[in-house]
Protein backbone atom coordinates (compact mmCIF):
# COMPACT_ATOMS: atom_id res chain seq x y z
CA MET A 1 -5.43 -14.60 15.46
CA TYR A 2 -3.35 -13.86 12.32
CA SER A 3 0.32 -12.96 12.18
CA VAL A 4 1.38 -9.54 10.92
CA LYS A 5 3.22 -11.28 8.10
CA LYS A 6 0.05 -13.06 6.94
CA ILE A 7 -2.04 -9.86 7.06
CA VAL A 8 0.56 -7.97 5.02
CA GLN A 9 0.71 -10.81 2.47
CA VAL A 10 -3.07 -10.77 2.06
CA ILE A 11 -3.24 -6.98 1.71
CA LYS A 12 -0.41 -6.89 -0.82
CA SER A 13 -1.89 -9.76 -2.81
CA LEU A 14 -5.42 -8.38 -2.97
CA THR A 15 -4.38 -4.82 -3.80
CA ALA A 16 -1.93 -5.91 -6.52
CA LYS A 17 -4.54 -8.16 -8.14
CA GLU A 18 -7.10 -5.34 -8.14
CA ILE A 19 -4.66 -2.81 -9.56
CA PHE A 20 -3.62 -5.22 -12.31
CA ARG A 21 -7.28 -5.98 -13.05
CA ARG A 22 -8.17 -2.29 -13.36
CA CYS A 23 -4.96 -1.18 -15.05
CA PRO A 24 -3.39 -4.16 -16.86
CA HIS A 25 -0.78 -1.95 -18.54
CA VAL A 26 0.82 -1.30 -15.14
CA LYS A 27 2.21 -4.83 -14.92
CA LYS A 28 4.09 -4.37 -18.20
CA VAL A 29 6.10 -1.39 -16.91
CA LEU A 30 7.04 -2.86 -13.53
CA TRP A 31 10.40 -4.45 -12.85
CA GLY A 32 9.70 -8.19 -12.96
CA GLY A 33 5.95 -7.55 -13.03
CA GLU A 34 5.75 -7.22 -9.24
CA PHE A 35 3.74 -4.38 -7.73
CA TRP A 36 5.00 -4.68 -4.12
CA SER A 37 8.50 -5.22 -2.79
CA ASP A 38 9.14 -8.18 -0.52
CA VAL A 39 9.67 -6.03 2.58
CA TYR A 40 7.32 -4.28 5.00
CA PHE A 41 7.51 -2.46 8.30
CA ALA A 42 5.28 -3.06 11.30
CA SER A 43 5.38 -1.48 14.73
CA THR A 44 3.24 -1.36 17.83
CA VAL A 45 1.40 1.71 19.10
CA GLY A 46 1.81 2.73 22.71
CA THR A 47 -0.67 4.37 25.07
CA HIS A 48 -0.26 7.74 23.34
CA GLY A 49 -1.35 6.49 19.94
CA ASN A 50 -4.90 6.27 18.70
CA GLU A 51 -6.74 5.78 15.43
CA LYS A 52 -6.80 9.50 14.59
CA ILE A 53 -3.07 9.97 15.16
CA ILE A 54 -2.21 6.88 13.13
CA GLY A 55 -4.60 7.92 10.34
CA ASN A 56 -3.01 11.38 10.13
CA TYR A 57 0.44 9.80 10.01
CA VAL A 58 -0.54 7.48 7.14
CA LYS A 59 -2.29 10.26 5.20
CA GLY A 60 0.84 12.42 5.58
CA GLN A 61 3.10 9.81 3.98
CA GLY A 62 4.26 10.43 0.44
CA GLY A 63 3.45 14.14 0.47
CA ASP A 64 6.29 14.75 -1.96
CA TYR A 65 5.19 11.91 -4.23
CA GLN A 66 4.84 13.02 -7.81
CA LYS A 67 1.89 11.49 -9.65
CA LEU A 68 3.16 9.96 -12.86
CA HIS A 69 -0.12 8.58 -14.13
CA SER A 70 -2.80 10.64 -12.43
CA ASP A 71 -5.50 9.20 -14.70
CA TYR A 72 -4.89 5.78 -13.19
CA GLN A 73 -4.35 6.63 -9.52
CA LEU A 74 -6.53 4.62 -7.13
CA ALA A 75 -7.85 6.02 -3.88
CA LEU A 76 -7.09 3.89 -0.84
CA PHE A 77 -8.53 6.25 1.78
């Protein structure tokens, strides 16, 4: 019903607005005041993929990420 592009735009828009609402200082330290980059990646899942596998993949992303402002981190999952 909706294109992948439209869904990504909505998610990026809503999450950025909420982050800026909760942590207004974040916008001041961002390059150009933008939270998200203009790019995204989308792919299909074949017959071997399921919600659990995809969830584990997403949760495993950014394992080496260093929290710079742990007091202001938001939980997405």
